[in-house]
PDB file of N, CA and C in Angstrom:
ATOM      1  N   UNK A   1      94.315   8.014 -33.183  1.00  0.00           N
ATOM      2  CA  UNK A   1      94.203   7.187 -31.994  1.00  0.00           C
ATOM      3  C   UNK A   1      95.342   6.152 -32.001  1.00  0.00           C
ATOM      4  N   UNK A   2      96.125   6.085 -30.922  1.00  0.00           N
ATOM      5  CA  UNK A   2      97.256   5.141 -30.914  1.00  0.00           C
ATOM      6  C   UNK A   2      96.777   3.691 -30.827  1.00  0.00           C
ATOM      7  N   UNK A   3      97.562   2.838 -31.371  1.00  0.00           N
ATOM      8  CA  UNK A   3      97.274   1.399 -31.261  1.00  0.00           C
ATOM      9  C   UNK A   3      97.789   0.950 -29.901  1.00  0.00           C
ATOM     10  N   UNK A   4      96.910   0.423 -29.102  1.00  0.00           N
ATOM     11  CA  UNK A   4      97.281   0.001 -27.759  1.00  0.00           C
ATOM     12  C   UNK A   4      97.450  -1.504 -27.719  1.00  0.00           C
ATOM     13  N   UNK A   5      98.547  -1.931 -27.097  1.00  0.00           N
ATOM     14  CA  UNK A   5      98.783  -3.350 -26.853  1.00  0.00           C
ATOM     15  C   UNK A   5      98.762  -3.522 -25.338  1.00  0.00           C
ATOM     16  N   UNK A   6      97.786  -4.280 -24.852  1.00  0.00           N
ATOM     17  CA  UNK A   6      97.649  -4.542 -23.422  1.00  0.00           C
ATOM     18  C   UNK A   6      98.255  -5.901 -23.115  1.00  0.00           C
ATOM     19  N   UNK A   7      99.223  -5.903 -22.228  1.00  0.00           N
ATOM     20  CA  UNK A   7      99.849  -7.151 -21.793  1.00  0.00           C
ATOM     21  C   UNK A   7      99.365  -7.427 -20.383  1.00  0.00           C
ATOM     22  N   UNK A   8      98.646  -8.515 -20.225  1.00  0.00           N
ATOM     23  CA  UNK A   8      98.198  -8.923 -18.894  1.00  0.00           C
ATOM     24  C   UNK A   8      99.272  -9.857 -18.353  1.00  0.00           C
ATOM     25  N   UNK A   9      99.946  -9.401 -17.308  1.00  0.00           N
ATOM     26  CA  UNK A   9     101.125 -10.056 -16.757  1.00  0.00           C
ATOM     27  C   UNK A   9     100.765 -10.812 -15.480  1.00  0.00           C
ATOM     28  N   UNK A  10     101.212 -12.054 -15.395  1.00  0.00           N
ATOM     29  CA  UNK A  10     100.991 -12.879 -14.201  1.00  0.00           C
ATOM     30  C   UNK A  10     102.324 -13.044 -13.483  1.00  0.00           C
ATOM     31  N   UNK A  11     102.435 -12.511 -12.252  1.00  0.00           N
ATOM     32  CA  UNK A  11     103.692 -12.672 -11.504  1.00  0.00           C
ATOM     33  C   UNK A  11     103.963 -14.155 -11.219  1.00  0.00           C
ATOM     34  N   UNK A  12     105.228 -14.507 -11.036  1.00  0.00           N
ATOM     35  CA  UNK A  12     105.565 -15.898 -10.710  1.00  0.00           C
ATOM     36  C   UNK A  12     104.948 -16.318  -9.372  1.00  0.00           C
ATOM     37  N   UNK A  13     104.891 -17.606  -9.155  1.00  0.00           N
ATOM     38  CA  UNK A  13     104.362 -18.116  -7.891  1.00  0.00           C
ATOM     39  C   UNK A  13     105.322 -17.784  -6.754  1.00  0.00           C
ATOM     40  N   UNK A  14     104.785 -17.634  -5.546  1.00  0.00           N
ATOM     41  CA  UNK A  14     105.652 -17.330  -4.398  1.00  0.00           C
ATOM     42  C   UNK A  14     106.704 -18.417  -4.191  1.00  0.00           C
ATOM     43  N   UNK A  15     107.795 -18.018  -3.575  1.00  0.00           N
ATOM     44  CA  UNK A  15     108.875 -18.956  -3.274  1.00  0.00           C
ATOM     45  C   UNK A  15     108.724 -19.401  -1.821  1.00  0.00           C
ATOM     46  N   UNK A  16     108.648 -20.707  -1.629  1.00  0.00           N
ATOM     47  CA  UNK A  16     108.502 -21.265  -0.287  1.00  0.00           C
ATOM     48  C   UNK A  16     109.815 -21.917   0.129  1.00  0.00           C
ATOM     49  N   UNK A  17     110.292 -21.534   1.316  1.00  0.00           N
ATOM     50  CA  UNK A  17     111.542 -22.064   1.837  1.00  0.00           C
ATOM     51  C   UNK A  17     111.269 -22.688   3.194  1.00  0.00           C
ATOM     52  N   UNK A  18     111.690 -23.915   3.344  1.00  0.00           N
ATOM     53  CA  UNK A  18     111.522 -24.579   4.632  1.00  0.00           C
ATOM     54  C   UNK A  18     112.534 -23.988   5.612  1.00  0.00           C
ATOM     55  N   UNK A  19     112.027 -23.467   6.728  1.00  0.00           N
ATOM     56  CA  UNK A  19     112.901 -22.812   7.706  1.00  0.00           C
ATOM     57  C   UNK A  19     113.075 -23.633   8.976  1.00  0.00           C
ATOM     58  N   UNK A  20     112.350 -24.674   9.106  1.00  0.00           N
ATOM     59  CA  UNK A  20     112.446 -25.534  10.285  1.00  0.00           C
ATOM     60  C   UNK A  20     111.656 -26.794  10.024  1.00  0.00           C
ATOM     61  N   UNK A  21     111.561 -27.608  11.046  1.00  0.00           N
ATOM     62  CA  UNK A  21     110.861 -28.879  10.901  1.00  0.00           C
ATOM     63  C   UNK A  21     109.402 -28.682  10.487  1.00  0.00           C
ATOM     64  N   UNK A  22     108.736 -27.708  11.107  1.00  0.00           N
ATOM     65  CA  UNK A  22     107.320 -27.492  10.824  1.00  0.00           C
ATOM     66  C   UNK A  22     107.014 -26.087  10.310  1.00  0.00           C
ATOM     67  N   UNK A  23     108.004 -25.363   9.828  1.00  0.00           N
ATOM     68  CA  UNK A  23     107.741 -23.989   9.388  1.00  0.00           C
ATOM     69  C   UNK A  23     108.278 -23.749   7.975  1.00  0.00           C
ATOM     70  N   UNK A  24     107.540 -22.904   7.271  1.00  0.00           N
ATOM     71  CA  UNK A  24     107.890 -22.539   5.898  1.00  0.00           C
ATOM     72  C   UNK A  24     107.820 -21.022   5.784  1.00  0.00           C
ATOM     73  N   UNK A  25     108.834 -20.448   5.173  1.00  0.00           N
ATOM     74  CA  UNK A  25     108.848 -19.003   4.920  1.00  0.00           C
ATOM     75  C   UNK A  25     108.432 -18.781   3.464  1.00  0.00           C
ATOM     76  N   UNK A  26     107.436 -17.914   3.264  1.00  0.00           N
ATOM     77  CA  UNK A  26     106.929 -17.636   1.917  1.00  0.00           C
ATOM     78  C   UNK A  26     107.355 -16.227   1.515  1.00  0.00           C
ATOM     79  N   UNK A  27     107.949 -16.124   0.339  1.00  0.00           N
ATOM     80  CA  UNK A  27     108.358 -14.826  -0.209  1.00  0.00           C
ATOM     81  C   UNK A  27     107.515 -14.541  -1.448  1.00  0.00           C
ATOM     82  N   UNK A  28     106.766 -13.461  -1.372  1.00  0.00           N
ATOM     83  CA  UNK A  28     105.880 -13.060  -2.470  1.00  0.00           C
ATOM     84  C   UNK A  28     106.627 -12.148  -3.443  1.00  0.00           C
ATOM     85  N   UNK A  29     106.255 -12.226  -4.705  1.00  0.00           N
ATOM     86  CA  UNK A  29     106.797 -11.333  -5.718  1.00  0.00           C
ATOM     87  C   UNK A  29     106.005 -10.033  -5.710  1.00  0.00           C
ATOM     88  N   UNK A  30     106.674  -8.908  -5.937  1.00  0.00           N
ATOM     89  CA  UNK A  30     106.012  -7.617  -6.044  1.00  0.00           C
ATOM     90  C   UNK A  30     105.555  -7.468  -7.501  1.00  0.00           C
ATOM     91  N   UNK A  31     104.334  -7.899  -7.770  1.00  0.00           N
ATOM     92  CA  UNK A  31     103.809  -7.916  -9.135  1.00  0.00           C
ATOM     93  C   UNK A  31     103.735  -6.544  -9.769  1.00  0.00           C
ATOM     94  N   UNK A  32     103.340  -5.538  -8.999  1.00  0.00           N
ATOM     95  CA  UNK A  32     103.236  -4.179  -9.543  1.00  0.00           C
ATOM     96  C   UNK A  32     104.608  -3.644  -9.945  1.00  0.00           C
ATOM     97  N   UNK A  33     105.609  -3.898  -9.126  1.00  0.00           N
ATOM     98  CA  UNK A  33     106.964  -3.438  -9.428  1.00  0.00           C
ATOM     99  C   UNK A  33     107.506  -4.167 -10.662  1.00  0.00           C
ATOM    100  N   UNK A  34     107.218  -5.460 -10.770  1.00  0.00           N
ATOM    101  CA  UNK A  34     107.652  -6.224 -11.940  1.00  0.00           C
ATOM    102  C   UNK A  34     106.959  -5.719 -13.199  1.00  0.00           C
ATOM    103  N   UNK A  35     105.663  -5.420 -13.097  1.00  0.00           N
ATOM    104  CA  UNK A  35     104.906  -4.911 -14.243  1.00  0.00           C
ATOM    105  C   UNK A  35     105.465  -3.562 -14.701  1.00  0.00           C
ATOM    106  N   UNK A  36     105.849  -2.705 -13.749  1.00  0.00           N
ATOM    107  CA  UNK A  36     106.427  -1.403 -14.102  1.00  0.00           C
ATOM    108  C   UNK A  36     107.758  -1.586 -14.828  1.00  0.00           C
ATOM    109  N   UNK A  37     108.583  -2.528 -14.368  1.00  0.00           N
ATOM    110  CA  UNK A  37     109.856  -2.820 -15.020  1.00  0.00           C
ATOM    111  C   UNK A  37     109.610  -3.332 -16.441  1.00  0.00           C
ATOM    112  N   UNK A  38     108.641  -4.231 -16.575  1.00  0.00           N
ATOM    113  CA  UNK A  38     108.307  -4.788 -17.882  1.00  0.00           C
ATOM    114  C   UNK A  38     107.768  -3.697 -18.809  1.00  0.00           C
ATOM    115  N   UNK A  39     106.903  -2.845 -18.284  1.00  0.00           N
ATOM    116  CA  UNK A  39     106.343  -1.746 -19.072  1.00  0.00           C
ATOM    117  C   UNK A  39     107.458  -0.866 -19.631  1.00  0.00           C
ATOM    118  N   UNK A  40     108.399  -0.496 -18.778  1.00  0.00           N
ATOM    119  CA  UNK A  40     109.499   0.365 -19.199  1.00  0.00           C
ATOM    120  C   UNK A  40     110.331  -0.296 -20.298  1.00  0.00           C
ATOM    121  N   UNK A  41     110.657  -1.569 -20.107  1.00  0.00           N
ATOM    122  CA  UNK A  41     111.447  -2.285 -21.106  1.00  0.00           C
ATOM    123  C   UNK A  41     110.730  -2.425 -22.431  1.00  0.00           C
ATOM    124  N   UNK A  42     109.437  -2.707 -22.392  1.00  0.00           N
ATOM    125  CA  UNK A  42     108.670  -2.862 -23.627  1.00  0.00           C
ATOM    126  C   UNK A  42     108.480  -1.528 -24.342  1.00  0.00           C
ATOM    127  N   UNK A  43     108.332  -0.443 -23.579  1.00  0.00           N
ATOM    128  CA  UNK A  43     108.182   0.870 -24.210  1.00  0.00           C
ATOM    129  C   UNK A  43     109.452   1.258 -24.967  1.00  0.00           C
ATOM    130  N   UNK A  44     110.599   0.949 -24.412  1.00  0.00           N
ATOM    131  CA  UNK A  44     111.872   1.240 -25.088  1.00  0.00           C
ATOM    132  C   UNK A  44     111.958   0.457 -26.390  1.00  0.00           C
ATOM    133  N   UNK A  45     111.654  -0.832 -26.320  1.00  0.00           N
ATOM    134  CA  UNK A  45     111.695  -1.684 -27.516  1.00  0.00           C
ATOM    135  C   UNK A  45     110.682  -1.224 -28.559  1.00  0.00           C
ATOM    136  N   UNK A  46     109.439  -1.008 -28.142  1.00  0.00           N
ATOM    137  CA  UNK A  46     108.377  -0.636 -29.082  1.00  0.00           C
ATOM    138  C   UNK A  46     108.597   0.759 -29.645  1.00  0.00           C
ATOM    139  N   UNK A  47     109.220   1.651 -28.861  1.00  0.00           N
ATOM    140  CA  UNK A  47     109.468   3.005 -29.342  1.00  0.00           C
ATOM    141  C   UNK A  47     110.319   3.026 -30.597  1.00  0.00           C
ATOM    142  N   UNK A  48     111.243   2.099 -30.696  1.00  0.00           N
ATOM    143  CA  UNK A  48     112.100   2.013 -31.880  1.00  0.00           C
ATOM    144  C   UNK A  48     111.431   1.251 -33.018  1.00  0.00           C
ATOM    145  N   UNK A  49     110.853   0.126 -32.682  1.00  0.00           N
ATOM    146  CA  UNK A  49     110.327  -0.773 -33.713  1.00  0.00           C
ATOM    147  C   UNK A  49     108.899  -0.438 -34.138  1.00  0.00           C
ATOM    148  N   UNK A  50     108.059  -0.070 -33.177  1.00  0.00           N
ATOM    149  CA  UNK A  50     106.644   0.218 -33.441  1.00  0.00           C
ATOM    150  C   UNK A  50     106.258   1.545 -32.782  1.00  0.00           C
ATOM    151  N   UNK A  51     106.684   2.660 -33.332  1.00  0.00           N
ATOM    152  CA  UNK A  51     106.435   3.950 -32.667  1.00  0.00           C
ATOM    153  C   UNK A  51     104.957   4.314 -32.535  1.00  0.00           C
ATOM    154  N   UNK A  52     104.078   3.684 -33.315  1.00  0.00           N
ATOM    155  CA  UNK A  52     102.654   4.005 -33.208  1.00  0.00           C
ATOM    156  C   UNK A  52     101.924   3.117 -32.191  1.00  0.00           C
ATOM    157  N   UNK A  53     102.661   2.255 -31.475  1.00  0.00           N
ATOM    158  CA  UNK A  53     102.057   1.395 -30.456  1.00  0.00           C
ATOM    159  C   UNK A  53     102.161   2.054 -29.091  1.00  0.00           C
ATOM    160  N   UNK A  54     101.140   1.895 -28.291  1.00  0.00           N
ATOM    161  CA  UNK A  54     101.188   2.259 -26.878  1.00  0.00           C
ATOM    162  C   UNK A  54     101.154   0.942 -26.105  1.00  0.00           C
ATOM    163  N   UNK A  55     102.178   0.689 -25.327  1.00  0.00           N
ATOM    164  CA  UNK A  55     102.266  -0.558 -24.569  1.00  0.00           C
ATOM    165  C   UNK A  55     101.777  -0.320 -23.152  1.00  0.00           C
ATOM    166  N   UNK A  56     100.872  -1.173 -22.683  1.00  0.00           N
ATOM    167  CA  UNK A  56     100.392  -1.096 -21.305  1.00  0.00           C
ATOM    168  C   UNK A  56     100.521  -2.479 -20.679  1.00  0.00           C
ATOM    169  N   UNK A  57     101.049  -2.526 -19.472  1.00  0.00           N
ATOM    170  CA  UNK A  57     101.198  -3.787 -18.746  1.00  0.00           C
ATOM    171  C   UNK A  57     100.349  -3.706 -17.493  1.00  0.00           C
ATOM    172  N   UNK A  58      99.542  -4.725 -17.262  1.00  0.00           N
ATOM    173  CA  UNK A  58      98.688  -4.789 -16.082  1.00  0.00           C
ATOM    174  C   UNK A  58      98.871  -6.143 -15.406  1.00  0.00           C
ATOM    175  N   UNK A  59      98.904  -6.139 -14.092  1.00  0.00           N
ATOM    176  CA  UNK A  59      98.999  -7.387 -13.337  1.00  0.00           C
ATOM    177  C   UNK A  59      97.646  -8.082 -13.417  1.00  0.00           C
ATOM    178  N   UNK A  60      97.691  -9.380 -13.645  1.00  0.00           N
ATOM    179  CA  UNK A  60      96.465 -10.134 -13.848  1.00  0.00           C
ATOM    180  C   UNK A  60      96.627 -11.554 -13.315  1.00  0.00           C
ATOM    181  N   UNK A  61      95.551 -12.286 -13.344  1.00  0.00           N
ATOM    182  CA  UNK A  61      95.597 -13.706 -12.968  1.00  0.00           C
ATOM    183  C   UNK A  61      95.721 -14.598 -14.194  1.00  0.00           C
ATOM    184  N   UNK A  62      95.536 -14.009 -15.369  1.00  0.00           N
ATOM    185  CA  UNK A  62      95.618 -14.774 -16.612  1.00  0.00           C
ATOM    186  C   UNK A  62      96.458 -13.990 -17.614  1.00  0.00           C
ATOM    187  N   UNK A  63      97.469 -14.633 -18.163  1.00  0.00           N
ATOM    188  CA  UNK A  63      98.350 -13.985 -19.129  1.00  0.00           C
ATOM    189  C   UNK A  63      97.636 -13.824 -20.468  1.00  0.00           C
ATOM    190  N   UNK A  64      97.850 -12.648 -21.074  1.00  0.00           N
ATOM    191  CA  UNK A  64      97.215 -12.383 -22.361  1.00  0.00           C
ATOM    192  C   UNK A  64      97.886 -11.178 -23.009  1.00  0.00           C
ATOM    193  N   UNK A  65      97.933 -11.175 -24.324  1.00  0.00           N
ATOM    194  CA  UNK A  65      98.347 -10.006 -25.088  1.00  0.00           C
ATOM    195  C   UNK A  65      97.140  -9.627 -25.942  1.00  0.00           C
ATOM    196  N   UNK A  66      96.610  -8.432 -25.671  1.00  0.00           N
ATOM    197  CA  UNK A  66      95.374  -7.991 -26.320  1.00  0.00           C
ATOM    198  C   UNK A  66      95.641  -6.708 -27.105  1.00  0.00           C
ATOM    199  N   UNK A  67      94.999  -6.595 -28.263  1.00  0.00           N
ATOM    200  CA  UNK A  67      95.111  -5.404 -29.092  1.00  0.00           C
ATOM    201  C   UNK A  67      93.851  -4.573 -28.893  1.00  0.00           C
ATOM    202  N   UNK A  68      94.034  -3.322 -28.453  1.00  0.00           N
ATOM    203  CA  UNK A  68      92.904  -2.437 -28.213  1.00  0.00           C
ATOM    204  C   UNK A  68      92.927  -1.295 -29.215  1.00  0.00           C
ATOM    205  N   UNK A  69      91.760  -0.869 -29.658  1.00  0.00           N
ATOM    206  CA  UNK A  69      91.576   0.228 -30.626  1.00  0.00           C
ATOM    207  C   UNK A  69      91.986  -0.155 -32.045  1.00  0.00           C
ATOM    208  N   UNK A  70      92.290  -1.416 -32.270  1.00  0.00           N
ATOM    209  CA  UNK A  70      92.630  -1.894 -33.604  1.00  0.00           C
ATOM    210  C   UNK A  70      92.593  -3.413 -33.610  1.00  0.00           C
ATOM    211  N   UNK A  71      92.497  -3.961 -34.815  1.00  0.00           N
ATOM    212  CA  UNK A  71      92.431  -5.416 -34.938  1.00  0.00           C
ATOM    213  C   UNK A  71      93.308  -5.855 -36.108  1.00  0.00           C
ATOM    214  N   UNK A  72      94.502  -6.399 -35.775  1.00  0.00           N
ATOM    215  CA  UNK A  72      95.354  -6.902 -36.864  1.00  0.00           C
ATOM    216  C   UNK A  72      94.750  -8.189 -37.430  1.00  0.00           C
ATOM    217  N   UNK A  73      95.130  -8.515 -38.665  1.00  0.00           N
ATOM    218  CA  UNK A  73      94.628  -9.778 -39.213  1.00  0.00           C
ATOM    219  C   UNK A  73      95.243 -10.938 -38.420  1.00  0.00           C
ATOM    220  N   UNK A  74      94.696 -12.109 -38.579  1.00  0.00           N
ATOM    221  CA  UNK A  74      95.066 -13.260 -37.755  1.00  0.00           C
ATOM    222  C   UNK A  74      96.565 -13.567 -37.806  1.00  0.00           C
ATOM    223  N   UNK A  75      97.140 -13.573 -38.984  1.00  0.00           N
ATOM    224  CA  UNK A  75      98.567 -13.870 -39.132  1.00  0.00           C
ATOM    225  C   UNK A  75      99.422 -12.803 -38.464  1.00  0.00           C
ATOM    226  N   UNK A  76      99.076 -11.544 -38.700  1.00  0.00           N
ATOM    227  CA  UNK A  76      99.824 -10.444 -38.089  1.00  0.00           C
ATOM    228  C   UNK A  76      99.703 -10.497 -36.567  1.00  0.00           C
ATOM    229  N   UNK A  77      98.519 -10.806 -36.053  1.00  0.00           N
ATOM    230  CA  UNK A  77      98.309 -10.888 -34.604  1.00  0.00           C
ATOM    231  C   UNK A  77      99.174 -11.992 -33.998  1.00  0.00           C
ATOM    232  N   UNK A  78      99.230 -13.139 -34.650  1.00  0.00           N
ATOM    233  CA  UNK A  78     100.056 -14.249 -34.156  1.00  0.00           C
ATOM    234  C   UNK A  78     101.533 -13.866 -34.150  1.00  0.00           C
ATOM    235  N   UNK A  79     101.980 -13.231 -35.223  1.00  0.00           N
ATOM    236  CA  UNK A  79     103.383 -12.822 -35.313  1.00  0.00           C
ATOM    237  C   UNK A  79     103.717 -11.777 -34.253  1.00  0.00           C
ATOM    238  N   UNK A  80     102.826 -10.797 -34.061  1.00  0.00           N
ATOM    239  CA  UNK A  80     103.057  -9.765 -33.052  1.00  0.00           C
ATOM    240  C   UNK A  80     103.076 -10.356 -31.645  1.00  0.00           C
ATOM    241  N   UNK A  81     102.148 -11.257 -31.365  1.00  0.00           N
ATOM    242  CA  UNK A  81     102.126 -11.897 -30.040  1.00  0.00           C
ATOM    243  C   UNK A  81     103.414 -12.674 -29.789  1.00  0.00           C
ATOM    244  N   UNK A  82     103.889 -13.385 -30.794  1.00  0.00           N
ATOM    245  CA  UNK A  82     105.135 -14.146 -30.644  1.00  0.00           C
ATOM    246  C   UNK A  82     106.310 -13.188 -30.433  1.00  0.00           C
ATOM    247  N   UNK A  83     106.364 -12.124 -31.204  1.00  0.00           N
ATOM    248  CA  UNK A  83     107.452 -11.158 -31.082  1.00  0.00           C
ATOM    249  C   UNK A  83     107.415 -10.458 -29.719  1.00  0.00           C
ATOM    250  N   UNK A  84     106.239 -10.056 -29.277  1.00  0.00           N
ATOM    251  CA  UNK A  84     106.101  -9.409 -27.966  1.00  0.00           C
ATOM    252  C   UNK A  84     106.449 -10.403 -26.862  1.00  0.00           C
ATOM    253  N   UNK A  85     106.016 -11.644 -26.997  1.00  0.00           N
ATOM    254  CA  UNK A  85     106.349 -12.684 -26.013  1.00  0.00           C
ATOM    255  C   UNK A  85     107.849 -12.879 -25.883  1.00  0.00           C
ATOM    256  N   UNK A  86     108.546 -12.891 -27.007  1.00  0.00           N
ATOM    257  CA  UNK A  86     110.014 -13.014 -26.983  1.00  0.00           C
ATOM    258  C   UNK A  86     110.646 -11.810 -26.289  1.00  0.00           C
ATOM    259  N   UNK A  87     110.119 -10.630 -26.568  1.00  0.00           N
ATOM    260  CA  UNK A  87     110.666  -9.418 -25.948  1.00  0.00           C
ATOM    261  C   UNK A  87     110.379  -9.408 -24.442  1.00  0.00           C
ATOM    262  N   UNK A  88     109.226  -9.896 -24.036  1.00  0.00           N
ATOM    263  CA  UNK A  88     108.909 -10.012 -22.606  1.00  0.00           C
ATOM    264  C   UNK A  88     109.954 -10.887 -21.926  1.00  0.00           C
ATOM    265  N   UNK A  89     110.274 -12.019 -22.553  1.00  0.00           N
ATOM    266  CA  UNK A  89     111.277 -12.924 -21.990  1.00  0.00           C
ATOM    267  C   UNK A  89     112.633 -12.224 -21.851  1.00  0.00           C
ATOM    268  N   UNK A  90     113.023 -11.455 -22.859  1.00  0.00           N
ATOM    269  CA  UNK A  90     114.303 -10.739 -22.804  1.00  0.00           C
ATOM    270  C   UNK A  90     114.308  -9.689 -21.695  1.00  0.00           C
ATOM    271  N   UNK A  91     113.227  -8.940 -21.574  1.00  0.00           N
ATOM    272  CA  UNK A  91     113.148  -7.914 -20.534  1.00  0.00           C
ATOM    273  C   UNK A  91     113.188  -8.556 -19.155  1.00  0.00           C
ATOM    274  N   UNK A  92     112.460  -9.642 -18.968  1.00  0.00           N
ATOM    275  CA  UNK A  92     112.372 -10.292 -17.665  1.00  0.00           C
ATOM    276  C   UNK A  92     113.699 -10.918 -17.238  1.00  0.00           C
ATOM    277  N   UNK A  93     114.585 -11.188 -18.184  1.00  0.00           N
ATOM    278  CA  UNK A  93     115.915 -11.697 -17.831  1.00  0.00           C
ATOM    279  C   UNK A  93     116.694 -10.679 -17.005  1.00  0.00           C
ATOM    280  N   UNK A  94     116.342  -9.401 -17.148  1.00  0.00           N
ATOM    281  CA  UNK A  94     117.039  -8.346 -16.435  1.00  0.00           C
ATOM    282  C   UNK A  94     116.586  -8.153 -14.995  1.00  0.00           C
ATOM    283  N   UNK A  95     115.624  -8.913 -14.556  1.00  0.00           N
ATOM    284  CA  UNK A  95     115.115  -8.764 -13.189  1.00  0.00           C
ATOM    285  C   UNK A  95     116.033  -9.476 -12.205  1.00  0.00           C
ATOM    286  N   UNK A  96     116.397  -8.752 -11.165  1.00  0.00           N
ATOM    287  CA  UNK A  96     117.152  -9.334 -10.048  1.00  0.00           C
ATOM    288  C   UNK A  96     116.132  -9.787  -9.006  1.00  0.00           C
ATOM    289  N   UNK A  97     115.981 -11.094  -8.788  1.00  0.00           N
ATOM    290  CA  UNK A  97     114.924 -11.594  -7.892  1.00  0.00           C
ATOM    291  C   UNK A  97     114.897 -10.917  -6.514  1.00  0.00           C
ATOM    292  N   UNK A  98     116.032 -10.653  -5.935  1.00  0.00           N
ATOM    293  CA  UNK A  98     116.051 -10.058  -4.589  1.00  0.00           C
ATOM    294  C   UNK A  98     115.419  -8.682  -4.560  1.00  0.00           C
ATOM    295  N   UNK A  99     115.398  -7.985  -5.696  1.00  0.00           N
ATOM    296  CA  UNK A  99     114.791  -6.662  -5.747  1.00  0.00           C
ATOM    297  C   UNK A  99     113.261  -6.728  -5.835  1.00  0.00           C
ATOM    298  N   UNK A 100     112.721  -7.892  -6.134  1.00  0.00           N
ATOM    299  CA  UNK A 100     111.283  -8.027  -6.371  1.00  0.00           C
ATOM    300  C   UNK A 100     110.601  -9.017  -5.423  1.00  0.00           C
ATOM    301  N   UNK A 101     111.339  -9.590  -4.493  1.00  0.00           N
ATOM    302  CA  UNK A 101     110.785 -10.543  -3.535  1.00  0.00           C
ATOM    303  C   UNK A 101     110.644  -9.903  -2.158  1.00  0.00           C
ATOM    304  N   UNK A 102     109.568 -10.276  -1.458  1.00  0.00           N
ATOM    305  CA  UNK A 102     109.389  -9.796  -0.090  1.00  0.00           C
ATOM    306  C   UNK A 102     110.408 -10.454   0.818  1.00  0.00           C
ATOM    307  N   UNK A 103     110.602  -9.884   1.985  1.00  0.00           N
ATOM    308  CA  UNK A 103     111.544 -10.446   2.956  1.00  0.00           C
ATOM    309  C   UNK A 103     110.894 -11.610   3.589  1.00  0.00           C
TER     310      UNK A 103
END
């Protein structure tokens, strides 16, 4: 049974731009598209470093990194969460905002 790491991803808050005296244009992030990009990037990274891990990314309202089908000890879990968090940051640097924002 593969070790599953579930990443609950929270998209950034919408971008609000004032378009007139009394009007605001709101641009929403495409959370599903961002999660797919993140999933792909994490699978590439984990495939080399942790080939027995299955990485899953889901859009959520609360950020979390959860271990399913296994339970690492407390120290290992903290280290893995920190390492995965750093990799998430690196992958997300590759996002071009215009490709993920609504018109």
